[in-house]
PDB file of N, CA and C in Angstrom:
ATOM      1  N   MET A   1      -3.392  -6.435  -0.440  1.00  0.00           N
ATOM      2  CA  MET A   1      -3.473  -6.237   0.981  1.00  0.00           C
ATOM      3  C   MET A   1      -2.333  -5.315   1.380  1.00  0.00           C
ATOM      4  N   ASP A   2      -2.638  -4.352   2.194  1.00  0.00           N
ATOM      5  CA  ASP A   2      -1.653  -3.376   2.641  1.00  0.00           C
ATOM      6  C   ASP A   2      -1.187  -3.685   4.054  1.00  0.00           C
ATOM      7  N   ASP A   3       0.085  -3.521   4.251  1.00  0.00           N
ATOM      8  CA  ASP A   3       0.677  -3.628   5.573  1.00  0.00           C
ATOM      9  C   ASP A   3       1.135  -2.224   5.948  1.00  0.00           C
ATOM     10  N   PRO A   4       0.680  -1.689   7.089  1.00  0.00           N
ATOM     11  CA  PRO A   4       1.093  -0.338   7.471  1.00  0.00           C
ATOM     12  C   PRO A   4       2.612  -0.147   7.454  1.00  0.00           C
ATOM     13  N   ALA A   5       3.367  -1.191   7.709  1.00  0.00           N
ATOM     14  CA  ALA A   5       4.829  -1.087   7.681  1.00  0.00           C
ATOM     15  C   ALA A   5       5.353  -0.907   6.263  1.00  0.00           C
ATOM     16  N   ASP A   6       4.535  -1.228   5.251  1.00  0.00           N
ATOM     17  CA  ASP A   6       4.938  -0.996   3.866  1.00  0.00           C
ATOM     18  C   ASP A   6       4.861   0.485   3.513  1.00  0.00           C
ATOM     19  N   ARG A   7       3.976   1.201   4.163  1.00  0.00           N
ATOM     20  CA  ARG A   7       3.826   2.630   3.903  1.00  0.00           C
ATOM     21  C   ARG A   7       4.693   3.443   4.846  1.00  0.00           C
ATOM     22  N   ASP A   8       4.709   3.087   6.088  1.00  0.00           N
ATOM     23  CA  ASP A   8       5.474   3.815   7.104  1.00  0.00           C
ATOM     24  C   ASP A   8       6.529   2.886   7.689  1.00  0.00           C
ATOM     25  N   LEU A   9       7.705   2.905   7.068  1.00  0.00           N
ATOM     26  CA  LEU A   9       8.780   2.025   7.513  1.00  0.00           C
ATOM     27  C   LEU A   9       9.240   2.383   8.917  1.00  0.00           C
ATOM     28  N   PRO A  10       9.431   1.412   9.773  1.00  0.00           N
ATOM     29  CA  PRO A  10      10.020   1.691  11.083  1.00  0.00           C
ATOM     30  C   PRO A  10      11.521   1.922  10.927  1.00  0.00           C
ATOM     31  N   ALA A  11      12.111   2.655  11.851  1.00  0.00           N
ATOM     32  CA  ALA A  11      13.560   2.895  11.833  1.00  0.00           C
ATOM     33  C   ALA A  11      14.266   1.598  12.216  1.00  0.00           C
ATOM     34  N   MET A  12      14.949   0.964  11.221  1.00  0.00           N
ATOM     35  CA  MET A  12      15.636  -0.311  11.442  1.00  0.00           C
ATOM     36  C   MET A  12      17.003  -0.342  10.775  1.00  0.00           C
ATOM     37  N   GLY A  13      17.516   0.809  10.376  1.00  0.00           N
ATOM     38  CA  GLY A  13      18.801   0.842   9.681  1.00  0.00           C
ATOM     39  C   GLY A  13      18.624   0.582   8.194  1.00  0.00           C
ATOM     40  N   PRO A  14      19.720   0.337   7.478  1.00  0.00           N
ATOM     41  CA  PRO A  14      19.637   0.094   6.034  1.00  0.00           C
ATOM     42  C   PRO A  14      18.923  -1.225   5.719  1.00  0.00           C
ATOM     43  N   ILE A  15      18.003  -1.181   4.751  1.00  0.00           N
ATOM     44  CA  ILE A  15      17.262  -2.365   4.310  1.00  0.00           C
ATOM     45  C   ILE A  15      17.298  -2.390   2.788  1.00  0.00           C
ATOM     46  N   ILE A  16      17.466  -3.575   2.214  1.00  0.00           N
ATOM     47  CA  ILE A  16      17.472  -3.725   0.766  1.00  0.00           C
ATOM     48  C   ILE A  16      16.162  -4.379   0.341  1.00  0.00           C
ATOM     49  N   PHE A  17      15.485  -3.729  -0.603  1.00  0.00           N
ATOM     50  CA  PHE A  17      14.237  -4.226  -1.164  1.00  0.00           C
ATOM     51  C   PHE A  17      14.501  -4.640  -2.602  1.00  0.00           C
ATOM     52  N   SER A  18      13.699  -5.572  -3.106  1.00  0.00           N
ATOM     53  CA  SER A  18      13.766  -5.904  -4.530  1.00  0.00           C
ATOM     54  C   SER A  18      12.352  -5.843  -5.095  1.00  0.00           C
ATOM     55  N   ASN A  19      12.255  -5.420  -6.360  1.00  0.00           N
ATOM     56  CA  ASN A  19      10.943  -5.367  -6.999  1.00  0.00           C
ATOM     57  C   ASN A  19      10.741  -6.612  -7.847  1.00  0.00           C
ATOM     58  N   ALA A  20       9.630  -6.672  -8.551  1.00  0.00           N
ATOM     59  CA  ALA A  20       9.308  -7.855  -9.346  1.00  0.00           C
ATOM     60  C   ALA A  20      10.331  -8.112 -10.447  1.00  0.00           C
ATOM     61  N   ALA A  21      11.002  -7.050 -10.910  1.00  0.00           N
ATOM     62  CA  ALA A  21      12.014  -7.193 -11.966  1.00  0.00           C
ATOM     63  C   ALA A  21      13.377  -7.572 -11.393  1.00  0.00           C
ATOM     64  N   GLY A  22      13.468  -7.696 -10.072  1.00  0.00           N
ATOM     65  CA  GLY A  22      14.726  -8.064  -9.437  1.00  0.00           C
ATOM     66  C   GLY A  22      15.654  -6.890  -9.162  1.00  0.00           C
ATOM     67  N   GLU A  23      15.173  -5.680  -9.419  1.00  0.00           N
ATOM     68  CA  GLU A  23      15.981  -4.495  -9.147  1.00  0.00           C
ATOM     69  C   GLU A  23      16.042  -4.274  -7.645  1.00  0.00           C
ATOM     70  N   LEU A  24      17.201  -3.860  -7.163  1.00  0.00           N
ATOM     71  CA  LEU A  24      17.404  -3.666  -5.731  1.00  0.00           C
ATOM     72  C   LEU A  24      17.360  -2.184  -5.375  1.00  0.00           C
ATOM     73  N   LEU A  25      16.813  -1.897  -4.211  1.00  0.00           N
ATOM     74  CA  LEU A  25      16.752  -0.544  -3.689  1.00  0.00           C
ATOM     75  C   LEU A  25      17.137  -0.603  -2.220  1.00  0.00           C
ATOM     76  N   GLU A  26      18.108   0.201  -1.842  1.00  0.00           N
ATOM     77  CA  GLU A  26      18.499   0.257  -0.433  1.00  0.00           C
ATOM     78  C   GLU A  26      17.917   1.515   0.184  1.00  0.00           C
ATOM     79  N   VAL A  27      17.258   1.348   1.311  1.00  0.00           N
ATOM     80  CA  VAL A  27      16.672   2.463   2.042  1.00  0.00           C
ATOM     81  C   VAL A  27      17.240   2.452   3.448  1.00  0.00           C
ATOM     82  N   ASP A  28      17.803   3.597   3.853  1.00  0.00           N
ATOM     83  CA  ASP A  28      18.285   3.728   5.227  1.00  0.00           C
ATOM     84  C   ASP A  28      17.093   4.170   6.068  1.00  0.00           C
ATOM     85  N   THR A  29      16.485   3.231   6.744  1.00  0.00           N
ATOM     86  CA  THR A  29      15.264   3.526   7.481  1.00  0.00           C
ATOM     87  C   THR A  29      15.517   4.375   8.720  1.00  0.00           C
ATOM     88  N   ASP A  30      16.780   4.560   9.086  1.00  0.00           N
ATOM     89  CA  ASP A  30      17.092   5.470  10.189  1.00  0.00           C
ATOM     90  C   ASP A  30      17.040   6.923   9.732  1.00  0.00           C
ATOM     91  N   ASN A  31      17.020   7.142   8.417  1.00  0.00           N
ATOM     92  CA  ASN A  31      17.011   8.479   7.840  1.00  0.00           C
ATOM     93  C   ASN A  31      15.572   8.882   7.558  1.00  0.00           C
ATOM     94  N   GLU A  32      15.097   9.937   8.222  1.00  0.00           N
ATOM     95  CA  GLU A  32      13.704  10.374   8.044  1.00  0.00           C
ATOM     96  C   GLU A  32      13.405  10.730   6.592  1.00  0.00           C
ATOM     97  N   ALA A  33      14.356  11.359   5.904  1.00  0.00           N
ATOM     98  CA  ALA A  33      14.137  11.727   4.494  1.00  0.00           C
ATOM     99  C   ALA A  33      13.970  10.462   3.640  1.00  0.00           C
ATOM    100  N   GLY A  34      14.727   9.425   3.941  1.00  0.00           N
ATOM    101  CA  GLY A  34      14.609   8.161   3.214  1.00  0.00           C
ATOM    102  C   GLY A  34      13.256   7.511   3.455  1.00  0.00           C
ATOM    103  N   ARG A  35      12.809   7.520   4.694  1.00  0.00           N
ATOM    104  CA  ARG A  35      11.492   6.963   5.010  1.00  0.00           C
ATOM    105  C   ARG A  35      10.389   7.772   4.341  1.00  0.00           C
ATOM    106  N   GLN A  36      10.545   9.102   4.313  1.00  0.00           N
ATOM    107  CA  GLN A  36       9.552   9.962   3.670  1.00  0.00           C
ATOM    108  C   GLN A  36       9.508   9.689   2.167  1.00  0.00           C
ATOM    109  N   ALA A  37      10.664   9.523   1.531  1.00  0.00           N
ATOM    110  CA  ALA A  37      10.706   9.235   0.094  1.00  0.00           C
ATOM    111  C   ALA A  37      10.032   7.894  -0.186  1.00  0.00           C
ATOM    112  N   PHE A  38      10.281   6.902   0.654  1.00  0.00           N
ATOM    113  CA  PHE A  38       9.657   5.588   0.494  1.00  0.00           C
ATOM    114  C   PHE A  38       8.139   5.712   0.634  1.00  0.00           C
ATOM    115  N   ARG A  39       7.686   6.479   1.641  1.00  0.00           N
ATOM    116  CA  ARG A  39       6.255   6.683   1.880  1.00  0.00           C
ATOM    117  C   ARG A  39       5.605   7.369   0.676  1.00  0.00           C
ATOM    118  N   GLU A  40       6.254   8.385   0.130  1.00  0.00           N
ATOM    119  CA  GLU A  40       5.713   9.095  -1.032  1.00  0.00           C
ATOM    120  C   GLU A  40       5.637   8.178  -2.252  1.00  0.00           C
ATOM    121  N   ASP A  41       6.645   7.322  -2.436  1.00  0.00           N
ATOM    122  CA  ASP A  41       6.624   6.364  -3.539  1.00  0.00           C
ATOM    123  C   ASP A  41       5.474   5.377  -3.356  1.00  0.00           C
ATOM    124  N   TRP A  42       5.271   4.906  -2.141  1.00  0.00           N
ATOM    125  CA  TRP A  42       4.176   3.981  -1.843  1.00  0.00           C
ATOM    126  C   TRP A  42       2.834   4.642  -2.169  1.00  0.00           C
ATOM    127  N   GLU A  43       2.661   5.894  -1.740  1.00  0.00           N
ATOM    128  CA  GLU A  43       1.409   6.600  -1.980  1.00  0.00           C
ATOM    129  C   GLU A  43       1.183   6.831  -3.474  1.00  0.00           C
ATOM    130  N   GLN A  44       2.248   7.113  -4.233  1.00  0.00           N
ATOM    131  CA  GLN A  44       2.132   7.297  -5.671  1.00  0.00           C
ATOM    132  C   GLN A  44       1.688   6.000  -6.351  1.00  0.00           C
ATOM    133  N   ARG A  45       2.294   4.877  -5.947  1.00  0.00           N
ATOM    134  CA  ARG A  45       1.894   3.583  -6.523  1.00  0.00           C
ATOM    135  C   ARG A  45       0.441   3.265  -6.180  1.00  0.00           C
ATOM    136  N   ARG A  46       0.017   3.572  -4.976  1.00  0.00           N
ATOM    137  CA  ARG A  46      -1.374   3.331  -4.551  1.00  0.00           C
ATOM    138  C   ARG A  46      -2.320   4.180  -5.399  1.00  0.00           C
ATOM    139  N   GLU A  47      -1.969   5.442  -5.625  1.00  0.00           N
ATOM    140  CA  GLU A  47      -2.801   6.330  -6.437  1.00  0.00           C
ATOM    141  C   GLU A  47      -2.892   5.820  -7.870  1.00  0.00           C
ATOM    142  N   GLU A  48      -1.779   5.361  -8.436  1.00  0.00           N
ATOM    143  CA  GLU A  48      -1.784   4.813  -9.796  1.00  0.00           C
ATOM    144  C   GLU A  48      -2.673   3.571  -9.878  1.00  0.00           C
ATOM    145  N   LEU A  49      -2.627   2.730  -8.866  1.00  0.00           N
ATOM    146  CA  LEU A  49      -3.482   1.540  -8.843  1.00  0.00           C
ATOM    147  C   LEU A  49      -4.953   1.940  -8.790  1.00  0.00           C
ATOM    148  N   GLN A  50      -5.282   2.912  -7.947  1.00  0.00           N
ATOM    149  CA  GLN A  50      -6.668   3.362  -7.837  1.00  0.00           C
ATOM    150  C   GLN A  50      -7.156   3.948  -9.154  1.00  0.00           C
ATOM    151  N   GLN A  51      -6.325   4.731  -9.825  1.00  0.00           N
ATOM    152  CA  GLN A  51      -6.718   5.314 -11.109  1.00  0.00           C
ATOM    153  C   GLN A  51      -6.909   4.227 -12.162  1.00  0.00           C
ATOM    154  N   LEU A  52      -6.022   3.243 -12.179  1.00  0.00           N
ATOM    155  CA  LEU A  52      -6.131   2.151 -13.142  1.00  0.00           C
ATOM    156  C   LEU A  52      -7.415   1.364 -12.932  1.00  0.00           C
ATOM    157  N   THR A  53      -7.703   0.993 -11.704  1.00  0.00           N
ATOM    158  CA  THR A  53      -8.915   0.212 -11.447  1.00  0.00           C
ATOM    159  C   THR A  53     -10.160   1.022 -11.769  1.00  0.00           C
ATOM    160  N   TYR A  54     -10.122   2.325 -11.526  1.00  0.00           N
ATOM    161  CA  TYR A  54     -11.264   3.177 -11.852  1.00  0.00           C
ATOM    162  C   TYR A  54     -11.485   3.211 -13.365  1.00  0.00           C
ATOM    163  N   ARG A  55     -10.402   3.412 -14.130  1.00  0.00           N
ATOM    164  CA  ARG A  55     -10.507   3.456 -15.595  1.00  0.00           C
ATOM    165  C   ARG A  55     -11.028   2.142 -16.163  1.00  0.00           C
ATOM    166  N   LEU A  56     -10.638   1.028 -15.550  1.00  0.00           N
ATOM    167  CA  LEU A  56     -11.056  -0.285 -16.033  1.00  0.00           C
ATOM    168  C   LEU A  56     -12.412  -0.715 -15.480  1.00  0.00           C
ATOM    169  N   GLY A  57     -12.965   0.079 -14.579  1.00  0.00           N
ATOM    170  CA  GLY A  57     -14.255  -0.259 -13.989  1.00  0.00           C
ATOM    171  C   GLY A  57     -14.173  -1.409 -13.004  1.00  0.00           C
ATOM    172  N   ILE A  58     -13.034  -1.540 -12.363  1.00  0.00           N
ATOM    173  CA  ILE A  58     -12.811  -2.615 -11.399  1.00  0.00           C
ATOM    174  C   ILE A  58     -12.869  -2.022  -9.995  1.00  0.00           C
ATOM    175  N   GLY A  59     -13.612  -2.645  -9.127  1.00  0.00           N
ATOM    176  CA  GLY A  59     -13.684  -2.184  -7.749  1.00  0.00           C
ATOM    177  C   GLY A  59     -12.400  -2.515  -6.995  1.00  0.00           C
ATOM    178  N   LEU A  60     -11.957  -1.595  -6.186  1.00  0.00           N
ATOM    179  CA  LEU A  60     -10.766  -1.793  -5.359  1.00  0.00           C
ATOM    180  C   LEU A  60     -11.190  -1.686  -3.901  1.00  0.00           C
ATOM    181  N   ILE A  61     -11.000  -2.765  -3.171  1.00  0.00           N
ATOM    182  CA  ILE A  61     -11.363  -2.789  -1.757  1.00  0.00           C
ATOM    183  C   ILE A  61     -10.067  -2.774  -0.942  1.00  0.00           C
ATOM    184  N   PRO A  62      -9.810  -1.677  -0.247  1.00  0.00           N
ATOM    185  CA  PRO A  62      -8.591  -1.620   0.559  1.00  0.00           C
ATOM    186  C   PRO A  62      -8.695  -2.545   1.777  1.00  0.00           C
ATOM    187  N   ILE A  63      -7.690  -3.351   1.955  1.00  0.00           N
ATOM    188  CA  ILE A  63      -7.623  -4.266   3.101  1.00  0.00           C
ATOM    189  C   ILE A  63      -6.254  -4.091   3.734  1.00  0.00           C
ATOM    190  N   SER A  64      -6.230  -3.932   5.020  1.00  0.00           N
ATOM    191  CA  SER A  64      -4.981  -3.727   5.744  1.00  0.00           C
ATOM    192  C   SER A  64      -4.720  -4.907   6.673  1.00  0.00           C
ATOM    193  N   THR A  65      -3.456  -5.230   6.835  1.00  0.00           N
ATOM    194  CA  THR A  65      -3.094  -6.364   7.685  1.00  0.00           C
ATOM    195  C   THR A  65      -3.401  -6.108   9.160  1.00  0.00           C
ATOM    196  N   ASN A  66      -3.617  -4.842   9.529  1.00  0.00           N
ATOM    197  CA  ASN A  66      -3.926  -4.566  10.930  1.00  0.00           C
ATOM    198  C   ASN A  66      -5.426  -4.409  11.169  1.00  0.00           C
ATOM    199  N   GLU A  67      -6.241  -4.832  10.182  1.00  0.00           N
ATOM    200  CA  GLU A  67      -7.692  -4.797  10.313  1.00  0.00           C
ATOM    201  C   GLU A  67      -8.265  -6.187  10.038  1.00  0.00           C
ATOM    202  N   ASP A  68      -9.480  -6.408  10.452  1.00  0.00           N
ATOM    203  CA  ASP A  68     -10.149  -7.676  10.208  1.00  0.00           C
ATOM    204  C   ASP A  68     -10.468  -7.798   8.721  1.00  0.00           C
ATOM    205  N   VAL A  69      -9.929  -8.812   8.066  1.00  0.00           N
ATOM    206  CA  VAL A  69     -10.083  -8.996   6.624  1.00  0.00           C
ATOM    207  C   VAL A  69     -11.556  -9.154   6.245  1.00  0.00           C
ATOM    208  N   HIS A  70     -12.292  -9.965   6.982  1.00  0.00           N
ATOM    209  CA  HIS A  70     -13.694 -10.233   6.652  1.00  0.00           C
ATOM    210  C   HIS A  70     -14.534  -8.960   6.733  1.00  0.00           C
ATOM    211  N   ARG A  71     -14.322  -8.174   7.772  1.00  0.00           N
ATOM    212  CA  ARG A  71     -15.093  -6.930   7.913  1.00  0.00           C
ATOM    213  C   ARG A  71     -14.740  -5.954   6.797  1.00  0.00           C
ATOM    214  N   SER A  72     -13.470  -5.876   6.437  1.00  0.00           N
ATOM    215  CA  SER A  72     -13.047  -4.994   5.350  1.00  0.00           C
ATOM    216  C   SER A  72     -13.693  -5.408   4.037  1.00  0.00           C
ATOM    217  N   LEU A  73     -13.716  -6.717   3.773  1.00  0.00           N
ATOM    218  CA  LEU A  73     -14.344  -7.207   2.538  1.00  0.00           C
ATOM    219  C   LEU A  73     -15.842  -6.928   2.522  1.00  0.00           C
ATOM    220  N   ILE A  74     -16.509  -7.206   3.619  1.00  0.00           N
ATOM    221  CA  ILE A  74     -17.952  -6.970   3.701  1.00  0.00           C
ATOM    222  C   ILE A  74     -18.247  -5.482   3.501  1.00  0.00           C
ATOM    223  N   SER A  75     -17.491  -4.625   4.174  1.00  0.00           N
ATOM    224  CA  SER A  75     -17.691  -3.185   4.031  1.00  0.00           C
ATOM    225  C   SER A  75     -17.436  -2.740   2.599  1.00  0.00           C
ATOM    226  N   GLY A  76     -16.363  -3.228   1.996  1.00  0.00           N
ATOM    227  CA  GLY A  76     -16.044  -2.865   0.618  1.00  0.00           C
ATOM    228  C   GLY A  76     -17.091  -3.345  -0.362  1.00  0.00           C
ATOM    229  N   LEU A  77     -17.567  -4.569  -0.182  1.00  0.00           N
ATOM    230  CA  LEU A  77     -18.603  -5.091  -1.071  1.00  0.00           C
ATOM    231  C   LEU A  77     -19.917  -4.336  -0.898  1.00  0.00           C
ATOM    232  N   GLN A  78     -20.250  -3.968   0.332  1.00  0.00           N
ATOM    233  CA  GLN A  78     -21.456  -3.190   0.556  1.00  0.00           C
ATOM    234  C   GLN A  78     -21.355  -1.831  -0.121  1.00  0.00           C
ATOM    235  N   HIS A  79     -20.175  -1.253  -0.144  1.00  0.00           N
ATOM    236  CA  HIS A  79     -19.970   0.031  -0.804  1.00  0.00           C
ATOM    237  C   HIS A  79     -20.266  -0.096  -2.293  1.00  0.00           C
ATOM    238  N   PHE A  80     -19.795  -1.165  -2.913  1.00  0.00           N
ATOM    239  CA  PHE A  80     -19.982  -1.346  -4.353  1.00  0.00           C
ATOM    240  C   PHE A  80     -21.403  -1.738  -4.717  1.00  0.00           C
ATOM    241  N   THR A  81     -22.117  -2.391  -3.811  1.00  0.00           N
ATOM    242  CA  THR A  81     -23.487  -2.801  -4.126  1.00  0.00           C
ATOM    243  C   THR A  81     -24.504  -1.747  -3.673  1.00  0.00           C
ATOM    244  N   GLY A  82     -24.025  -0.727  -2.950  1.00  0.00           N
ATOM    245  CA  GLY A  82     -24.918   0.332  -2.502  1.00  0.00           C
ATOM    246  C   GLY A  82     -25.661   0.006  -1.227  1.00  0.00           C
ATOM    247  N   ARG A  83     -25.319  -1.105  -0.580  1.00  0.00           N
ATOM    248  CA  ARG A  83     -25.972  -1.482   0.690  1.00  0.00           C
ATOM    249  C   ARG A  83     -25.094  -1.036   1.849  1.00  0.00           C
ATOM    250  N   HIS A  84     -25.698  -0.440   2.839  1.00  0.00           N
ATOM    251  CA  HIS A  84     -24.925   0.027   4.006  1.00  0.00           C
ATOM    252  C   HIS A  84     -25.558  -0.426   5.275  1.00  0.00           C
TER     253      HIS A  84
END
């Protein structure tokens, strides 16, 4: 599930993130270049996920926290089954 704030960070000053390995990353969200770098990293990870699921033959249904989950799932499933 995607949260728009994960892709486009709001300006909130320095924020520390940690990944699954426990590595820390500090991003100064007041800095436009820092927010842009974070956005580009997010988009790269999303592209890698899409390529992986495509290679494995797994359907990927994008769901966003600012959209209705049920409608997103129904639309995504209809796309994969060919029903519109």
